[in-house]
Amino acid sequence: EISDRMALRTASLLLVLAAPLALGRIEPSTKISFPEKRGGQSLVGVGVRKKGPIKVYGVGMYVDGFASKMSLSKFKSTAAEKVDSSFYKACVEGGFGKTLVLKMKFGVSKEKMAGAIADSVKPRISGDKSAVAKLEESLLVGCDKYAKDGRAGPGTEFCFAIRGASMGVSVNGKSVATISSKPLCKALLNCYLDGSSVSPGLKSTCAEGLIGLL
């Protein structure tokens, strides 16, 4: 009986210790959780996208660990708070896989969400404007097929898996499109990593996370 109680206590303790690992990282403003690993990639940063006082969505960025180390090795001795635009440019242009995961906090129509992402991308893309229309259309179709009531409601997840010139778009874990466009991939990443980032929190935590991997 004593050994049974000890076994139960040990099991309970292990569950308590494992809980934070299962929860992953919490984006502090939205309280949205992002797992530390996704599809073999590592979470390097989280942030929030605000529109005025409204917290629209939480966002997390994942990268291929080994490949990012190789690509960004020259920044190994740089402190995260000291990185400049050359670091973020290297992140955007590096060939390692990157995935942006957006989780809705505030519900909006599919048209508003798709349009907002397109509006952020348009001024950052050079050439290949048709790719923006493809991205917008894929989000509309994805919401129609895989989101509750066809809306970008609270909890809806949008995923953009970028590798080289290819962007895989999924809604709630269901693939909806693969778009081949290097300018589009760079423009979407720059929405979060350039000097006018739509999520400064993601940008700063990505610097910490990526430098931590090196």
N, C-alpha and C. Protein backbone atom coordinates (compact mmCIF):
# COMPACT_ATOMS: atom_id res chain seq x y z
N GLU A 1 0.84 -1.21 0.00
CA GLU A 1 0.00 0.00 0.00
C GLU A 1 0.87 1.26 0.00
N ILE A 2 1.94 1.24 0.82
CA ILE A 2 2.84 2.39 0.88
C ILE A 2 3.50 2.62 -0.47
N SER A 3 3.95 1.51 -1.09
CA SER A 3 4.61 1.63 -2.39
C SER A 3 3.64 2.16 -3.44
N ASP A 4 2.36 1.77 -3.32
CA ASP A 4 1.35 2.27 -4.26
C ASP A 4 1.18 3.78 -4.12
N ARG A 5 1.16 4.24 -2.84
CA ARG A 5 1.00 5.68 -2.59
C ARG A 5 2.20 6.45 -3.13
N MET A 6 3.38 5.88 -2.93
CA MET A 6 4.60 6.53 -3.42
C MET A 6 4.60 6.61 -4.94
N ALA A 7 4.14 5.53 -5.57
CA ALA A 7 4.08 5.51 -7.03
C ALA A 7 3.10 6.56 -7.54
N LEU A 8 1.97 6.69 -6.81
CA LEU A 8 0.95 7.68 -7.20
C LEU A 8 1.50 9.10 -7.06
N ARG A 9 2.22 9.35 -5.95
CA ARG A 9 2.81 10.67 -5.73
C ARG A 9 3.84 10.99 -6.81
N THR A 10 4.65 9.99 -7.14
CA THR A 10 5.68 10.18 -8.17
C THR A 10 5.04 10.52 -9.51
N ALA A 11 3.97 9.77 -9.84
CA ALA A 11 3.27 10.01 -11.10
C ALA A 11 2.66 11.41 -11.12
N SER A 12 2.09 11.84 -9.98
CA SER A 12 1.49 13.17 -9.88
C SER A 12 2.54 14.25 -10.06
N LEU A 13 3.71 14.04 -9.43
CA LEU A 13 4.79 15.01 -9.54
C LEU A 13 5.27 15.13 -10.98
N LEU A 14 5.40 14.00 -11.65
CA LEU A 14 5.83 14.02 -13.04
C LEU A 14 4.85 14.77 -13.92
N LEU A 15 3.56 14.60 -13.64
CA LEU A 15 2.53 15.32 -14.40
C LEU A 15 2.65 16.82 -14.19
N VAL A 16 2.89 17.22 -12.95
CA VAL A 16 3.04 18.65 -12.63
C VAL A 16 4.25 19.23 -13.35
N LEU A 17 5.36 18.48 -13.31
CA LEU A 17 6.58 18.95 -13.97
C LEU A 17 6.41 19.01 -15.48
N ALA A 18 5.63 18.08 -16.03
CA ALA A 18 5.45 18.02 -17.48
C ALA A 18 4.48 19.07 -17.98
N ALA A 19 3.62 19.58 -17.10
CA ALA A 19 2.58 20.52 -17.52
C ALA A 19 3.12 21.73 -18.27
N PRO A 20 4.17 22.42 -17.76
CA PRO A 20 4.67 23.58 -18.50
C PRO A 20 5.19 23.22 -19.88
N LEU A 21 5.78 22.01 -19.99
CA LEU A 21 6.29 21.58 -21.29
C LEU A 21 5.14 21.37 -22.26
N ALA A 22 4.05 20.80 -21.76
CA ALA A 22 2.90 20.54 -22.62
C ALA A 22 2.24 21.84 -23.07
N LEU A 23 2.21 22.83 -22.15
CA LEU A 23 1.59 24.11 -22.47
C LEU A 23 2.39 24.89 -23.50
N GLY A 24 3.71 24.72 -23.50
CA GLY A 24 4.53 25.49 -24.40
C GLY A 24 4.73 26.89 -23.86
N ARG A 25 4.90 27.84 -24.75
CA ARG A 25 5.13 29.22 -24.34
C ARG A 25 3.84 30.03 -24.47
N ILE A 26 3.56 30.83 -23.46
CA ILE A 26 2.36 31.66 -23.46
C ILE A 26 2.71 33.06 -23.95
N GLU A 27 2.01 33.53 -24.96
CA GLU A 27 2.16 34.93 -25.38
C GLU A 27 1.49 35.77 -24.30
N PRO A 28 2.24 36.64 -23.62
CA PRO A 28 1.73 37.27 -22.40
C PRO A 28 0.52 38.18 -22.57
N SER A 29 0.41 38.83 -23.71
CA SER A 29 -0.68 39.79 -23.90
C SER A 29 -2.02 39.11 -24.18
N THR A 30 -1.98 38.04 -25.00
CA THR A 30 -3.22 37.35 -25.38
C THR A 30 -3.49 36.10 -24.56
N LYS A 31 -2.45 35.61 -23.84
CA LYS A 31 -2.51 34.35 -23.09
C LYS A 31 -2.66 33.14 -24.02
N ILE A 32 -2.31 33.30 -25.28
CA ILE A 32 -2.38 32.20 -26.24
C ILE A 32 -1.10 31.37 -26.13
N SER A 33 -1.27 30.04 -26.15
CA SER A 33 -0.15 29.12 -25.99
C SER A 33 0.38 28.64 -27.34
N PHE A 34 1.70 28.57 -27.44
CA PHE A 34 2.37 28.04 -28.62
C PHE A 34 3.30 26.92 -28.18
N PRO A 35 3.16 25.71 -28.74
CA PRO A 35 4.06 24.61 -28.36
C PRO A 35 5.50 24.93 -28.73
N GLU A 36 6.44 24.40 -27.95
CA GLU A 36 7.86 24.68 -28.19
C GLU A 36 8.36 24.05 -29.50
N LYS A 37 7.71 22.99 -29.94
CA LYS A 37 8.10 22.32 -31.19
C LYS A 37 6.89 22.18 -32.10
N ARG A 38 7.13 22.27 -33.38
CA ARG A 38 6.05 22.10 -34.36
C ARG A 38 6.67 21.57 -35.65
N GLY A 39 6.28 20.36 -36.02
CA GLY A 39 6.78 19.78 -37.26
C GLY A 39 8.29 19.72 -37.34
N GLY A 40 8.94 19.46 -36.20
CA GLY A 40 10.40 19.38 -36.18
C GLY A 40 11.09 20.72 -36.04
N GLN A 41 10.34 21.80 -36.08
CA GLN A 41 10.93 23.13 -35.93
C GLN A 41 10.81 23.63 -34.49
N SER A 42 11.67 24.58 -34.13
CA SER A 42 11.70 25.13 -32.76
C SER A 42 11.07 26.51 -32.72
N LEU A 43 10.31 26.76 -31.66
CA LEU A 43 9.71 28.08 -31.45
C LEU A 43 10.80 29.06 -31.02
N VAL A 44 10.91 30.20 -31.72
CA VAL A 44 11.94 31.18 -31.36
C VAL A 44 11.36 32.49 -30.85
N GLY A 45 10.07 32.74 -31.10
CA GLY A 45 9.50 33.99 -30.62
C GLY A 45 7.98 34.00 -30.67
N VAL A 46 7.38 34.84 -29.83
CA VAL A 46 5.93 35.02 -29.83
C VAL A 46 5.62 36.51 -29.70
N GLY A 47 4.45 36.91 -30.17
CA GLY A 47 4.05 38.30 -30.07
C GLY A 47 2.56 38.45 -30.30
N VAL A 48 2.12 39.69 -30.34
CA VAL A 48 0.70 39.99 -30.55
C VAL A 48 0.58 41.00 -31.69
N ARG A 49 -0.48 40.87 -32.45
CA ARG A 49 -0.83 41.86 -33.47
C ARG A 49 -2.00 42.66 -32.94
N LYS A 50 -1.77 43.96 -32.77
CA LYS A 50 -2.83 44.83 -32.25
C LYS A 50 -3.34 45.75 -33.36
N LYS A 51 -4.59 46.10 -33.26
CA LYS A 51 -5.19 47.14 -34.10
C LYS A 51 -5.81 48.13 -33.13
N GLY A 52 -5.10 49.23 -32.86
CA GLY A 52 -5.53 50.12 -31.79
C GLY A 52 -5.43 49.38 -30.47
N PRO A 53 -6.48 49.41 -29.65
CA PRO A 53 -6.44 48.70 -28.36
C PRO A 53 -6.79 47.22 -28.48
N ILE A 54 -7.23 46.79 -29.67
CA ILE A 54 -7.71 45.41 -29.84
C ILE A 54 -6.56 44.45 -30.12
N LYS A 55 -6.50 43.38 -29.34
CA LYS A 55 -5.52 42.32 -29.58
C LYS A 55 -6.13 41.36 -30.59
N VAL A 56 -5.69 41.44 -31.83
CA VAL A 56 -6.33 40.68 -32.91
C VAL A 56 -5.89 39.22 -32.90
N TYR A 57 -4.58 38.98 -32.84
CA TYR A 57 -4.09 37.59 -32.81
C TYR A 57 -2.73 37.50 -32.14
N GLY A 58 -2.43 36.31 -31.65
CA GLY A 58 -1.10 35.99 -31.18
C GLY A 58 -0.35 35.34 -32.33
N VAL A 59 0.96 35.53 -32.36
CA VAL A 59 1.75 34.97 -33.46
C VAL A 59 3.03 34.36 -32.91
N GLY A 60 3.38 33.20 -33.45
CA GLY A 60 4.62 32.53 -33.08
C GLY A 60 5.43 32.22 -34.32
N MET A 61 6.75 32.21 -34.18
CA MET A 61 7.62 31.87 -35.31
C MET A 61 8.48 30.68 -34.95
N TYR A 62 8.51 29.72 -35.87
CA TYR A 62 9.30 28.49 -35.73
C TYR A 62 10.37 28.45 -36.82
N VAL A 63 11.51 27.82 -36.51
CA VAL A 63 12.57 27.70 -37.50
C VAL A 63 13.19 26.30 -37.45
N ASP A 64 13.85 25.94 -38.55
CA ASP A 64 14.67 24.73 -38.57
C ASP A 64 15.92 25.02 -37.74
N GLY A 65 16.08 24.30 -36.64
CA GLY A 65 17.16 24.60 -35.71
C GLY A 65 18.55 24.55 -36.29
N PHE A 66 18.94 23.41 -36.87
CA PHE A 66 20.31 23.25 -37.36
C PHE A 66 20.59 24.19 -38.53
N ALA A 67 19.66 24.27 -39.47
CA ALA A 67 19.87 25.11 -40.65
C ALA A 67 19.97 26.58 -40.28
N SER A 68 19.20 27.01 -39.29
CA SER A 68 19.27 28.42 -38.87
C SER A 68 20.61 28.72 -38.21
N LYS A 69 21.16 27.74 -37.48
CA LYS A 69 22.48 27.92 -36.87
C LYS A 69 23.54 28.15 -37.95
N MET A 70 23.48 27.36 -39.00
CA MET A 70 24.44 27.49 -40.09
C MET A 70 24.30 28.84 -40.79
N SER A 71 23.06 29.23 -41.02
CA SER A 71 22.79 30.45 -41.78
C SER A 71 23.14 31.72 -41.01
N LEU A 72 22.95 31.69 -39.69
CA LEU A 72 23.13 32.90 -38.88
C LEU A 72 24.37 32.84 -37.98
N SER A 73 25.28 31.93 -38.28
CA SER A 73 26.43 31.69 -37.39
C SER A 73 27.27 32.94 -37.14
N LYS A 74 27.32 33.86 -38.09
CA LYS A 74 28.17 35.05 -37.91
C LYS A 74 27.66 35.97 -36.80
N PHE A 75 26.40 35.75 -36.37
CA PHE A 75 25.83 36.58 -35.31
C PHE A 75 25.95 35.92 -33.93
N LYS A 76 26.68 34.81 -33.87
CA LYS A 76 26.73 34.01 -32.64
C LYS A 76 27.18 34.81 -31.42
N SER A 77 28.13 35.70 -31.60
CA SER A 77 28.67 36.46 -30.46
C SER A 77 27.95 37.79 -30.24
N THR A 78 26.85 38.02 -30.96
CA THR A 78 26.10 39.27 -30.82
C THR A 78 24.99 39.09 -29.78
N ALA A 79 24.88 40.03 -28.86
CA ALA A 79 23.80 39.99 -27.88
C ALA A 79 22.48 40.32 -28.58
N ALA A 80 21.40 39.67 -28.15
CA ALA A 80 20.10 39.85 -28.81
C ALA A 80 19.68 41.32 -28.86
N GLU A 81 19.96 42.06 -27.79
CA GLU A 81 19.53 43.47 -27.75
C GLU A 81 20.41 44.37 -28.62
N LYS A 82 21.50 43.81 -29.16
CA LYS A 82 22.42 44.59 -29.98
C LYS A 82 22.27 44.33 -31.48
N VAL A 83 21.40 43.39 -31.86
CA VAL A 83 21.28 43.07 -33.28
C VAL A 83 20.70 44.26 -34.04
N ASP A 84 21.10 44.40 -35.30
CA ASP A 84 20.58 45.49 -36.12
C ASP A 84 19.82 44.93 -37.32
N SER A 85 19.51 45.79 -38.27
CA SER A 85 18.70 45.37 -39.41
C SER A 85 19.35 44.27 -40.24
N SER A 86 20.69 44.19 -40.20
CA SER A 86 21.38 43.14 -40.98
C SER A 86 21.03 41.75 -40.45
N PHE A 87 20.79 41.65 -39.16
CA PHE A 87 20.40 40.36 -38.57
C PHE A 87 19.03 39.94 -39.08
N TYR A 88 18.08 40.85 -39.05
CA TYR A 88 16.72 40.51 -39.49
C TYR A 88 16.68 40.26 -41.00
N LYS A 89 17.51 40.98 -41.75
CA LYS A 89 17.60 40.74 -43.19
C LYS A 89 18.12 39.33 -43.45
N ALA A 90 19.12 38.92 -42.67
CA ALA A 90 19.66 37.56 -42.81
C ALA A 90 18.62 36.51 -42.44
N CYS A 91 17.78 36.81 -41.47
CA CYS A 91 16.70 35.89 -41.09
C CYS A 91 15.70 35.73 -42.23
N VAL A 92 15.33 36.85 -42.83
CA VAL A 92 14.35 36.83 -43.92
C VAL A 92 14.90 36.12 -45.14
N GLU A 93 16.15 36.42 -45.48
CA GLU A 93 16.72 35.90 -46.72
C GLU A 93 17.39 34.54 -46.57
N GLY A 94 17.63 34.11 -45.34
CA GLY A 94 18.26 32.81 -45.12
C GLY A 94 17.40 31.67 -45.66
N GLY A 95 18.05 30.65 -46.18
CA GLY A 95 17.32 29.55 -46.81
C GLY A 95 16.68 28.56 -45.85
N PHE A 96 16.90 28.72 -44.55
CA PHE A 96 16.33 27.77 -43.58
C PHE A 96 14.81 27.93 -43.48
N GLY A 97 14.15 26.82 -43.14
CA GLY A 97 12.69 26.82 -43.04
C GLY A 97 12.19 27.67 -41.89
N LYS A 98 11.11 28.40 -42.15
CA LYS A 98 10.49 29.25 -41.13
C LYS A 98 8.99 29.06 -41.22
N THR A 99 8.32 29.07 -40.09
CA THR A 99 6.86 28.94 -40.06
C THR A 99 6.27 30.00 -39.15
N LEU A 100 5.33 30.77 -39.68
CA LEU A 100 4.58 31.74 -38.89
C LEU A 100 3.22 31.14 -38.56
N VAL A 101 2.87 31.14 -37.29
CA VAL A 101 1.58 30.61 -36.85
C VAL A 101 0.79 31.74 -36.18
N LEU A 102 -0.38 32.04 -36.74
CA LEU A 102 -1.24 33.09 -36.21
C LEU A 102 -2.46 32.44 -35.56
N LYS A 103 -2.75 32.81 -34.32
CA LYS A 103 -3.92 32.28 -33.62
C LYS A 103 -4.82 33.44 -33.21
N MET A 104 -6.05 33.43 -33.70
CA MET A 104 -6.96 34.55 -33.49
C MET A 104 -7.38 34.69 -32.02
N LYS A 105 -7.30 35.91 -31.53
CA LYS A 105 -7.82 36.25 -30.20
C LYS A 105 -9.17 36.96 -30.33
N PHE A 106 -9.25 37.82 -31.34
CA PHE A 106 -10.46 38.61 -31.59
C PHE A 106 -11.05 38.16 -32.92
N GLY A 107 -12.31 37.82 -32.94
CA GLY A 107 -12.94 37.31 -34.15
C GLY A 107 -13.24 38.41 -35.16
N VAL A 108 -12.93 38.12 -36.43
CA VAL A 108 -13.27 39.03 -37.53
C VAL A 108 -13.78 38.19 -38.71
N SER A 109 -14.32 38.84 -39.71
CA SER A 109 -14.75 38.11 -40.90
C SER A 109 -13.54 37.62 -41.67
N LYS A 110 -13.75 36.61 -42.49
CA LYS A 110 -12.64 36.08 -43.30
C LYS A 110 -12.11 37.15 -44.24
N GLU A 111 -13.02 37.98 -44.76
CA GLU A 111 -12.61 39.04 -45.69
C GLU A 111 -11.70 40.06 -45.00
N LYS A 112 -12.05 40.40 -43.76
CA LYS A 112 -11.25 41.38 -43.02
C LYS A 112 -9.87 40.83 -42.70
N MET A 113 -9.79 39.57 -42.30
CA MET A 113 -8.50 38.98 -41.96
C MET A 113 -7.62 38.83 -43.19
N ALA A 114 -8.19 38.27 -44.26
CA ALA A 114 -7.42 38.08 -45.49
C ALA A 114 -6.97 39.42 -46.05
N GLY A 115 -7.86 40.40 -46.00
CA GLY A 115 -7.53 41.73 -46.51
C GLY A 115 -6.46 42.42 -45.70
N ALA A 116 -6.49 42.24 -44.38
CA ALA A 116 -5.50 42.86 -43.50
C ALA A 116 -4.10 42.31 -43.77
N ILE A 117 -4.01 40.99 -43.96
CA ILE A 117 -2.71 40.39 -44.26
C ILE A 117 -2.21 40.86 -45.62
N ALA A 118 -3.11 40.88 -46.60
CA ALA A 118 -2.74 41.35 -47.94
C ALA A 118 -2.27 42.80 -47.89
N ASP A 119 -2.96 43.64 -47.12
CA ASP A 119 -2.60 45.06 -47.02
C ASP A 119 -1.23 45.26 -46.38
N SER A 120 -0.85 44.36 -45.47
CA SER A 120 0.47 44.44 -44.85
C SER A 120 1.56 44.01 -45.82
N VAL A 121 1.24 43.03 -46.66
CA VAL A 121 2.22 42.48 -47.59
C VAL A 121 2.46 43.40 -48.79
N LYS A 122 1.39 44.00 -49.32
CA LYS A 122 1.48 44.76 -50.58
C LYS A 122 2.60 45.80 -50.62
N PRO A 123 2.72 46.67 -49.62
CA PRO A 123 3.79 47.67 -49.71
C PRO A 123 5.20 47.11 -49.54
N ARG A 124 5.29 45.84 -49.16
CA ARG A 124 6.60 45.23 -48.91
C ARG A 124 7.04 44.32 -50.05
N ILE A 125 6.20 44.12 -51.04
CA ILE A 125 6.54 43.18 -52.11
C ILE A 125 6.96 43.94 -53.36
N SER A 126 8.01 43.45 -54.00
CA SER A 126 8.47 44.03 -55.25
C SER A 126 8.20 43.04 -56.37
N GLY A 127 7.42 43.46 -57.36
CA GLY A 127 7.04 42.54 -58.43
C GLY A 127 6.06 41.49 -57.93
N ASP A 128 5.67 40.61 -58.81
CA ASP A 128 4.83 39.45 -58.47
C ASP A 128 3.63 39.80 -57.59
N LYS A 129 2.92 40.88 -57.95
CA LYS A 129 1.74 41.28 -57.17
C LYS A 129 0.64 40.21 -57.22
N SER A 130 0.66 39.38 -58.25
CA SER A 130 -0.38 38.34 -58.37
C SER A 130 -0.30 37.35 -57.21
N ALA A 131 0.90 37.20 -56.64
CA ALA A 131 1.06 36.26 -55.52
C ALA A 131 0.28 36.73 -54.29
N VAL A 132 0.12 38.05 -54.14
CA VAL A 132 -0.65 38.57 -53.01
C VAL A 132 -2.11 38.18 -53.14
N ALA A 133 -2.62 38.26 -54.38
CA ALA A 133 -4.01 37.86 -54.64
C ALA A 133 -4.20 36.38 -54.35
N LYS A 134 -3.19 35.56 -54.69
CA LYS A 134 -3.27 34.12 -54.41
C LYS A 134 -3.30 33.87 -52.90
N LEU A 135 -2.49 34.62 -52.17
CA LEU A 135 -2.46 34.47 -50.72
C LEU A 135 -3.81 34.83 -50.12
N GLU A 136 -4.36 35.95 -50.55
CA GLU A 136 -5.65 36.41 -50.03
C GLU A 136 -6.74 35.39 -50.34
N GLU A 137 -6.74 34.88 -51.56
CA GLU A 137 -7.75 33.90 -51.97
C GLU A 137 -7.62 32.61 -51.16
N SER A 138 -6.38 32.18 -50.90
CA SER A 138 -6.18 30.94 -50.14
C SER A 138 -6.74 31.07 -48.72
N LEU A 139 -6.62 32.25 -48.13
CA LEU A 139 -7.15 32.47 -46.77
C LEU A 139 -8.67 32.47 -46.77
N LEU A 140 -9.26 33.06 -47.80
CA LEU A 140 -10.73 33.06 -47.91
C LEU A 140 -11.26 31.65 -48.08
N VAL A 141 -10.63 30.89 -48.98
CA VAL A 141 -11.04 29.51 -49.24
C VAL A 141 -10.84 28.65 -47.99
N GLY A 142 -9.69 28.84 -47.32
CA GLY A 142 -9.40 28.07 -46.12
C GLY A 142 -10.41 28.31 -45.01
N CYS A 143 -10.82 29.56 -44.83
CA CYS A 143 -11.84 29.87 -43.82
C CYS A 143 -13.18 29.25 -44.20
N ASP A 144 -13.53 29.34 -45.47
CA ASP A 144 -14.79 28.75 -45.94
C ASP A 144 -14.85 27.26 -45.64
N LYS A 145 -13.72 26.58 -45.89
CA LYS A 145 -13.69 25.12 -45.77
C LYS A 145 -13.46 24.63 -44.34
N TYR A 146 -12.59 25.32 -43.60
CA TYR A 146 -12.09 24.72 -42.36
C TYR A 146 -12.30 25.55 -41.09
N ALA A 147 -12.84 26.75 -41.21
CA ALA A 147 -13.06 27.58 -40.01
C ALA A 147 -14.54 27.59 -39.65
N LYS A 148 -14.83 27.64 -38.36
CA LYS A 148 -16.21 27.64 -37.89
C LYS A 148 -16.98 28.83 -38.47
N ASP A 149 -18.11 28.53 -39.08
CA ASP A 149 -18.99 29.54 -39.68
C ASP A 149 -18.29 30.34 -40.78
N GLY A 150 -17.18 29.81 -41.30
CA GLY A 150 -16.47 30.50 -42.38
C GLY A 150 -15.85 31.81 -41.96
N ARG A 151 -15.59 31.98 -40.66
CA ARG A 151 -15.05 33.23 -40.14
C ARG A 151 -13.67 33.01 -39.51
N ALA A 152 -12.93 34.09 -39.37
CA ALA A 152 -11.67 34.05 -38.63
C ALA A 152 -11.99 34.34 -37.17
N GLY A 153 -12.74 33.42 -36.56
CA GLY A 153 -13.20 33.60 -35.19
C GLY A 153 -12.10 33.31 -34.18
N PRO A 154 -12.34 33.61 -32.90
CA PRO A 154 -11.35 33.32 -31.86
C PRO A 154 -10.93 31.85 -31.90
N GLY A 155 -9.62 31.61 -31.85
CA GLY A 155 -9.10 30.25 -31.88
C GLY A 155 -8.73 29.76 -33.27
N THR A 156 -9.19 30.44 -34.31
CA THR A 156 -8.82 30.05 -35.68
C THR A 156 -7.32 30.21 -35.86
N GLU A 157 -6.70 29.20 -36.50
CA GLU A 157 -5.25 29.21 -36.68
C GLU A 157 -4.88 29.30 -38.16
N PHE A 158 -3.99 30.22 -38.46
CA PHE A 158 -3.45 30.37 -39.81
C PHE A 158 -1.96 30.06 -39.75
N CYS A 159 -1.49 29.25 -40.69
CA CYS A 159 -0.09 28.84 -40.68
C CYS A 159 0.53 29.11 -42.05
N PHE A 160 1.73 29.70 -42.02
CA PHE A 160 2.47 30.01 -43.25
C PHE A 160 3.85 29.36 -43.14
N ALA A 161 4.04 28.25 -43.84
CA ALA A 161 5.29 27.50 -43.78
C ALA A 161 6.16 27.91 -44.97
N ILE A 162 7.27 28.57 -44.68
CA ILE A 162 8.11 29.14 -45.73
C ILE A 162 9.43 28.39 -45.82
N ARG A 163 9.73 27.95 -47.02
CA ARG A 163 11.03 27.31 -47.29
C ARG A 163 11.50 27.77 -48.66
N GLY A 164 12.55 28.57 -48.67
CA GLY A 164 13.02 29.12 -49.93
C GLY A 164 11.98 30.02 -50.56
N ALA A 165 11.56 29.66 -51.78
CA ALA A 165 10.57 30.46 -52.51
C ALA A 165 9.16 29.90 -52.38
N SER A 166 8.98 28.91 -51.51
CA SER A 166 7.68 28.23 -51.38
C SER A 166 7.00 28.59 -50.06
N MET A 167 5.70 28.89 -50.15
CA MET A 167 4.91 29.17 -48.96
C MET A 167 3.71 28.24 -48.91
N GLY A 168 3.65 27.40 -47.88
CA GLY A 168 2.49 26.55 -47.67
C GLY A 168 1.52 27.23 -46.73
N VAL A 169 0.27 27.35 -47.14
CA VAL A 169 -0.74 28.03 -46.34
C VAL A 169 -1.74 27.01 -45.82
N SER A 170 -2.01 27.05 -44.52
CA SER A 170 -3.01 26.15 -43.95
C SER A 170 -3.90 26.91 -42.97
N VAL A 171 -5.12 26.42 -42.82
CA VAL A 171 -6.09 26.99 -41.88
C VAL A 171 -6.56 25.87 -40.96
N ASN A 172 -6.42 26.07 -39.67
CA ASN A 172 -6.78 25.06 -38.67
C ASN A 172 -6.17 23.70 -38.98
N GLY A 173 -4.90 23.73 -39.41
CA GLY A 173 -4.15 22.51 -39.65
C GLY A 173 -4.42 21.84 -40.98
N LYS A 174 -5.28 22.42 -41.81
CA LYS A 174 -5.61 21.84 -43.10
C LYS A 174 -4.95 22.66 -44.22
N SER A 175 -4.16 21.99 -45.06
CA SER A 175 -3.47 22.67 -46.14
C SER A 175 -4.46 23.21 -47.18
N VAL A 176 -4.28 24.46 -47.58
CA VAL A 176 -5.18 25.05 -48.57
C VAL A 176 -4.46 25.50 -49.83
N ALA A 177 -3.15 25.76 -49.75
CA ALA A 177 -2.43 26.22 -50.94
C ALA A 177 -0.93 26.15 -50.72
N THR A 178 -0.21 25.99 -51.82
CA THR A 178 1.24 26.17 -51.83
C THR A 178 1.54 27.20 -52.91
N ILE A 179 2.13 28.31 -52.51
CA ILE A 179 2.39 29.41 -53.43
C ILE A 179 3.89 29.53 -53.64
N SER A 180 4.30 29.53 -54.90
CA SER A 180 5.72 29.65 -55.22
C SER A 180 6.02 31.10 -55.59
N SER A 181 6.65 31.81 -54.67
CA SER A 181 6.97 33.22 -54.90
C SER A 181 7.96 33.70 -53.85
N LYS A 182 9.21 33.87 -54.24
CA LYS A 182 10.22 34.39 -53.32
C LYS A 182 9.86 35.78 -52.81
N PRO A 183 9.40 36.70 -53.69
CA PRO A 183 9.02 38.03 -53.19
C PRO A 183 7.91 37.98 -52.14
N LEU A 184 6.94 37.07 -52.31
CA LEU A 184 5.86 36.95 -51.33
C LEU A 184 6.39 36.44 -50.00
N CYS A 185 7.25 35.43 -50.04
CA CYS A 185 7.82 34.87 -48.80
C CYS A 185 8.57 35.95 -48.03
N LYS A 186 9.40 36.71 -48.74
CA LYS A 186 10.17 37.77 -48.09
C LYS A 186 9.26 38.85 -47.53
N ALA A 187 8.24 39.22 -48.30
CA ALA A 187 7.34 40.30 -47.88
C ALA A 187 6.57 39.92 -46.62
N LEU A 188 6.08 38.67 -46.55
CA LEU A 188 5.34 38.26 -45.36
C LEU A 188 6.25 38.24 -44.14
N LEU A 189 7.45 37.72 -44.29
CA LEU A 189 8.39 37.72 -43.17
C LEU A 189 8.74 39.14 -42.73
N ASN A 190 8.88 40.04 -43.70
CA ASN A 190 9.21 41.43 -43.37
C ASN A 190 8.07 42.15 -42.64
N CYS A 191 6.84 41.67 -42.82
CA CYS A 191 5.73 42.24 -42.04
C CYS A 191 6.03 42.16 -40.55
N TYR A 192 6.77 41.13 -40.16
CA TYR A 192 7.05 40.89 -38.74
C TYR A 192 8.48 41.24 -38.33
N LEU A 193 9.40 41.30 -39.31
CA LEU A 193 10.80 41.46 -38.95
C LEU A 193 11.46 42.73 -39.46
N ASP A 194 10.76 43.55 -40.23
CA ASP A 194 11.40 44.78 -40.71
C ASP A 194 11.25 45.92 -39.71
N GLY A 195 11.67 47.11 -40.11
CA GLY A 195 11.66 48.26 -39.20
C GLY A 195 10.28 48.76 -38.83
N SER A 196 9.26 48.31 -39.56
CA SER A 196 7.87 48.70 -39.25
C SER A 196 7.04 47.48 -38.87
N SER A 197 7.63 46.58 -38.12
CA SER A 197 6.98 45.31 -37.74
C SER A 197 5.57 45.52 -37.19
N VAL A 198 4.65 44.66 -37.66
CA VAL A 198 3.27 44.72 -37.15
C VAL A 198 3.18 44.06 -35.77
N SER A 199 4.26 43.42 -35.34
CA SER A 199 4.30 42.79 -34.01
C SER A 199 5.70 42.94 -33.41
N PRO A 200 5.99 44.10 -32.83
CA PRO A 200 7.32 44.33 -32.26
C PRO A 200 7.73 43.27 -31.22
N GLY A 201 6.74 42.74 -30.50
CA GLY A 201 7.05 41.71 -29.51
C GLY A 201 7.59 40.45 -30.14
N LEU A 202 7.01 40.06 -31.27
CA LEU A 202 7.52 38.88 -31.99
C LEU A 202 8.94 39.15 -32.46
N LYS A 203 9.17 40.31 -33.02
CA LYS A 203 10.49 40.65 -33.56
C LYS A 203 11.57 40.56 -32.48
N SER A 204 11.31 41.16 -31.32
CA SER A 204 12.33 41.17 -30.27
C SER A 204 12.55 39.78 -29.66
N THR A 205 11.47 39.02 -29.48
CA THR A 205 11.65 37.68 -28.90
C THR A 205 12.29 36.73 -29.91
N CYS A 206 12.06 36.96 -31.20
CA CYS A 206 12.73 36.14 -32.22
C CYS A 206 14.23 36.37 -32.19
N ALA A 207 14.64 37.62 -31.97
CA ALA A 207 16.08 37.89 -31.85
C ALA A 207 16.67 37.10 -30.69
N GLU A 208 15.98 37.12 -29.55
CA GLU A 208 16.45 36.38 -28.38
C GLU A 208 16.49 34.88 -28.66
N GLY A 209 15.40 34.37 -29.27
CA GLY A 209 15.30 32.94 -29.53
C GLY A 209 16.32 32.44 -30.54
N LEU A 210 16.51 33.21 -31.60
CA LEU A 210 17.45 32.79 -32.64
C LEU A 210 18.89 32.88 -32.15
N ILE A 211 19.23 33.95 -31.45
CA ILE A 211 20.59 34.06 -30.90
C ILE A 211 20.83 32.93 -29.90
N GLY A 212 19.79 32.57 -29.17
CA GLY A 212 19.90 31.47 -28.20
C GLY A 212 20.17 30.13 -28.85
N LEU A 213 19.77 29.96 -30.10
CA LEU A 213 20.00 28.70 -30.82
C LEU A 213 21.43 28.58 -31.34
N LEU A 214 22.10 29.72 -31.51
CA LEU A 214 23.41 29.72 -32.18
C LEU A 214 24.53 29.18 -31.30
